C-alpha atoms as a PDB file:
ATOM      1  CA  GLN A   1      17.251  -7.104   7.456  1.00  0.00           C
ATOM      2  CA  VAL A   2      13.905  -6.562   5.631  1.00  0.00           C
ATOM      3  CA  GLN A   3      13.874  -3.457   3.294  1.00  0.00           C
ATOM      4  CA  LEU A   4      10.486  -2.540   1.431  1.00  0.00           C
ATOM      5  CA  VAL A   5      10.531  -0.473  -1.631  1.00  0.00           C
ATOM      6  CA  GLU A   6       7.383   1.019  -3.053  1.00  0.00           C
ATOM      7  CA  SER A   7       7.186   2.301  -6.461  1.00  0.00           C
ATOM      8  CA  GLY A   8       4.530   3.307  -9.312  1.00  0.00           C
ATOM      9  CA  GLY A   9       2.601   6.064  -8.218  1.00  0.00           C
ATOM     10  CA  GLY A  10       2.398   9.418 -10.550  1.00  0.00           C
ATOM     11  CA  LEU A  11      -0.311  12.077 -11.193  1.00  0.00           C
ATOM     12  CA  VAL A  12      -3.244  10.543 -12.034  1.00  0.00           C
ATOM     13  CA  GLN A  13      -6.761  12.109 -13.636  1.00  0.00           C
ATOM     14  CA  PRO A  14      -9.914  11.559 -11.439  1.00  0.00           C
ATOM     15  CA  GLY A  15     -11.617   7.878 -12.398  1.00  0.00           C
ATOM     16  CA  GLY A  16      -7.928   6.976 -13.514  1.00  0.00           C
ATOM     17  CA  SER A  17      -6.188   3.941 -12.254  1.00  0.00           C
ATOM     18  CA  LEU A  18      -2.612   3.168 -10.803  1.00  0.00           C
ATOM     19  CA  ARG A  19      -0.984   0.079  -9.998  1.00  0.00           C
ATOM     20  CA  LEU A  20       1.704   0.348  -6.706  1.00  0.00           C
ATOM     21  CA  SER A  21       4.135  -2.014  -6.325  1.00  0.00           C
ATOM     22  CA  CYS A  22       5.901  -2.806  -2.935  1.00  0.00           C
ATOM     23  CA  ALA A  23       9.152  -4.636  -3.048  1.00  0.00           C
ATOM     24  CA  VAL A  24      10.083  -6.441  -0.200  1.00  0.00           C
ATOM     25  CA  SER A  25      14.441  -7.633   0.294  1.00  0.00           C
ATOM     26  CA  GLY A  26      16.525  -8.715   2.653  1.00  0.00           C
ATOM     27  CA  ILE A  27      16.214 -11.784   4.654  1.00  0.00           C
ATOM     28  CA  ILE A  28      12.369 -12.363   4.883  1.00  0.00           C
ATOM     29  CA  PRO A  29      11.285 -13.446   8.336  1.00  0.00           C
ATOM     30  CA  SER A  30       7.708 -14.929   9.193  1.00  0.00           C
ATOM     31  CA  ILE A  31       5.216 -12.483   7.803  1.00  0.00           C
ATOM     32  CA  TYR A  32       1.644 -12.087   9.022  1.00  0.00           C
ATOM     33  CA  SER A  33       0.663  -9.310   7.001  1.00  0.00           C
ATOM     34  CA  MET A  34       1.166  -6.782   4.282  1.00  0.00           C
ATOM     35  CA  ASN A  35      -0.817  -3.442   4.356  1.00  0.00           C
ATOM     36  CA  TRP A  36      -1.036  -0.457   2.484  1.00  0.00           C
ATOM     37  CA  TYR A  37      -1.532   2.949   4.357  1.00  0.00           C
ATOM     38  CA  ARG A  38      -1.967   6.385   3.506  1.00  0.00           C
ATOM     39  CA  GLN A  39      -0.953  10.008   4.447  1.00  0.00           C
ATOM     40  CA  ALA A  40      -2.581  12.685   3.385  1.00  0.00           C
ATOM     41  CA  PRO A  41      -0.878  15.840   2.605  1.00  0.00           C
ATOM     42  CA  GLY A  42      -0.337  18.152   5.638  1.00  0.00           C
ATOM     43  CA  SER A  43      -1.511  14.911   7.992  1.00  0.00           C
ATOM     44  CA  PRO A  44       1.081  13.473  10.373  1.00  0.00           C
ATOM     45  CA  GLU A  45       2.106  10.150  10.271  1.00  0.00           C
ATOM     46  CA  ASN A  46       0.046   9.001  13.563  1.00  0.00           C
ATOM     47  CA  GLN A  47      -3.097   9.320  11.152  1.00  0.00           C
ATOM     48  CA  ARG A  48      -2.041   7.288   8.226  1.00  0.00           C
ATOM     49  CA  GLU A  49      -5.078   5.273   7.251  1.00  0.00           C
ATOM     50  CA  ARG A  50      -4.585   1.575   6.565  1.00  0.00           C
ATOM     51  CA  VAL A  51      -6.665   0.767   2.924  1.00  0.00           C
ATOM     52  CA  ALA A  52      -5.548  -2.988   2.044  1.00  0.00           C
ATOM     53  CA  THR A  53      -4.635  -6.022   4.332  1.00  0.00           C
ATOM     54  CA  LEU A  54      -2.974  -8.892   2.652  1.00  0.00           C
ATOM     55  CA  THR A  55      -2.853 -11.976   5.141  1.00  0.00           C
ATOM     56  CA  ASP A  56      -2.422 -16.043   4.351  1.00  0.00           C
ATOM     57  CA  SER A  57      -6.085 -16.381   4.785  1.00  0.00           C
ATOM     58  CA  TYR A  58      -7.789 -13.329   3.896  1.00  0.00           C
ATOM     59  CA  THR A  59      -7.989  -9.497   2.531  1.00  0.00           C
ATOM     60  CA  GLU A  60      -9.266  -6.411   4.097  1.00  0.00           C
ATOM     61  CA  TYR A  61     -10.237  -3.110   2.926  1.00  0.00           C
ATOM     62  CA  ALA A  62     -10.958  -0.378   4.061  1.00  0.00           C
ATOM     63  CA  ASP A  63     -14.862   0.710   2.989  1.00  0.00           C
ATOM     64  CA  SER A  64     -14.251   3.769   1.391  1.00  0.00           C
ATOM     65  CA  VAL A  65     -11.836   1.608  -1.037  1.00  0.00           C
ATOM     66  CA  LYS A  66     -13.951  -1.381  -1.295  1.00  0.00           C
ATOM     67  CA  GLY A  67     -14.995  -2.690  -4.712  1.00  0.00           C
ATOM     68  CA  ARG A  68     -12.064  -0.309  -6.397  1.00  0.00           C
ATOM     69  CA  PHE A  69      -8.279  -1.132  -4.912  1.00  0.00           C
ATOM     70  CA  THR A  70      -7.458  -4.418  -4.505  1.00  0.00           C
ATOM     71  CA  ILE A  71      -4.247  -5.888  -2.718  1.00  0.00           C
ATOM     72  CA  SER A  72      -2.399  -8.676  -3.945  1.00  0.00           C
ATOM     73  CA  ARG A  73       1.092 -10.139  -4.113  1.00  0.00           C
ATOM     74  CA  ASP A  74       3.702 -12.231  -6.602  1.00  0.00           C
ATOM     75  CA  ASN A  75       5.934 -14.980  -4.322  1.00  0.00           C
ATOM     76  CA  SER A  76       7.767 -15.218  -6.863  1.00  0.00           C
ATOM     77  CA  LYS A  77       8.945 -11.840  -7.274  1.00  0.00           C
ATOM     78  CA  GLN A  78       8.878 -10.793  -3.430  1.00  0.00           C
ATOM     79  CA  THR A  79       6.189  -7.957  -4.175  1.00  0.00           C
ATOM     80  CA  VAL A  80       2.835  -6.534  -3.145  1.00  0.00           C
ATOM     81  CA  TYR A  81       0.353  -4.909  -5.313  1.00  0.00           C
ATOM     82  CA  LEU A  82      -2.029  -2.296  -5.331  1.00  0.00           C
ATOM     83  CA  GLN A  83      -4.321  -1.663  -7.787  1.00  0.00           C
ATOM     84  CA  MET A  84      -6.304   1.473  -7.353  1.00  0.00           C
ATOM     85  CA  ASN A  85      -9.404   1.982  -9.801  1.00  0.00           C
ATOM     86  CA  ASN A  86     -11.456   4.925 -10.445  1.00  0.00           C
ATOM     87  CA  LEU A  87      -9.545   7.209  -8.121  1.00  0.00           C
ATOM     88  CA  GLU A  88     -11.023  10.087  -6.228  1.00  0.00           C
ATOM     89  CA  THR A  89      -9.112  13.249  -5.904  1.00  0.00           C
ATOM     90  CA  GLU A  90      -9.410  12.944  -2.291  1.00  0.00           C
ATOM     91  CA  GLU A  91      -7.261  10.297  -2.605  1.00  0.00           C
ATOM     92  CA  THR A  92      -4.015  12.083  -3.170  1.00  0.00           C
ATOM     93  CA  ALA A  93      -1.465  11.220  -0.553  1.00  0.00           C
ATOM     94  CA  THR A  94       1.726   9.361   0.153  1.00  0.00           C
ATOM     95  CA  TYR A  95       1.006   5.440  -0.218  1.00  0.00           C
ATOM     96  CA  PHE A  96       3.368   3.479   2.145  1.00  0.00           C
ATOM     97  CA  CYS A  97       3.569  -0.360   1.896  1.00  0.00           C
ATOM     98  CA  ASN A  98       3.780  -1.848   5.734  1.00  0.00           C
ATOM     99  CA  GLU A  99       4.775  -5.760   6.751  1.00  0.00           C
ATOM    100  CA  VAL A 100       3.961  -6.965  10.108  1.00  0.00           C
ATOM    101  CA  GLN A 101       5.638  -9.874  11.578  1.00  0.00           C
ATOM    102  CA  TYR A 102       4.540 -12.568  13.727  1.00  0.00           C
ATOM    103  CA  SER A 103       6.816 -11.285  16.061  1.00  0.00           C
ATOM    104  CA  ASN A 104       4.195  -7.804  15.902  1.00  0.00           C
ATOM    105  CA  TYR A 105       7.817  -6.067  15.059  1.00  0.00           C
ATOM    106  CA  LYS A 106       6.248  -3.582  11.847  1.00  0.00           C
ATOM    107  CA  VAL A 107       8.551  -2.492   8.645  1.00  0.00           C
ATOM    108  CA  TRP A 108       7.582   0.711   6.920  1.00  0.00           C
ATOM    109  CA  GLY A 109       8.757   1.950   3.039  1.00  0.00           C
ATOM    110  CA  VAL A 110       9.147   4.823   2.569  1.00  0.00           C
ATOM    111  CA  GLY A 111       6.086   5.879   0.276  1.00  0.00           C
ATOM    112  CA  THR A 112       5.224   6.799  -3.480  1.00  0.00           C
ATOM    113  CA  GLN A 113       3.269   9.967  -4.146  1.00  0.00           C
ATOM    114  CA  VAL A 114       0.070   9.863  -5.645  1.00  0.00           C
ATOM    115  CA  ASN A 115      -1.711  12.556  -6.952  1.00  0.00           C
ATOM    116  CA  VAL A 116      -5.390  12.504  -8.222  1.00  0.00           C
ATOM    117  CA  SER A 117      -6.031  15.658 -10.275  1.00  0.00           C
ATOM    118  CA  SER A 118      -7.192  17.042 -13.639  1.00  0.00           C
END
């Protein structure tokens, strides 16, 4: 069974940077994509916003983060990263790692909190 554990969240000032990590453990099946989502405070789970996607052939970003966020992975460490630069106060949220398998089965991590505030 696959488990995803996020880390790297915290408090950062507007304009600052954070790097989130998503460690993948367990029996790893064929993975179609790894994704980062965020959920704003007080918003329901079904309104999580997908901010970045990584597959074997492409990366994709939400328009609001293009040029500032970068998704990457280190296969030797079974870890996916989200580098976030020039953060804005509106990007305060819980950030979740998500894995989509070729069977379309989805796995979620428990999230890491990012607070952007002066």
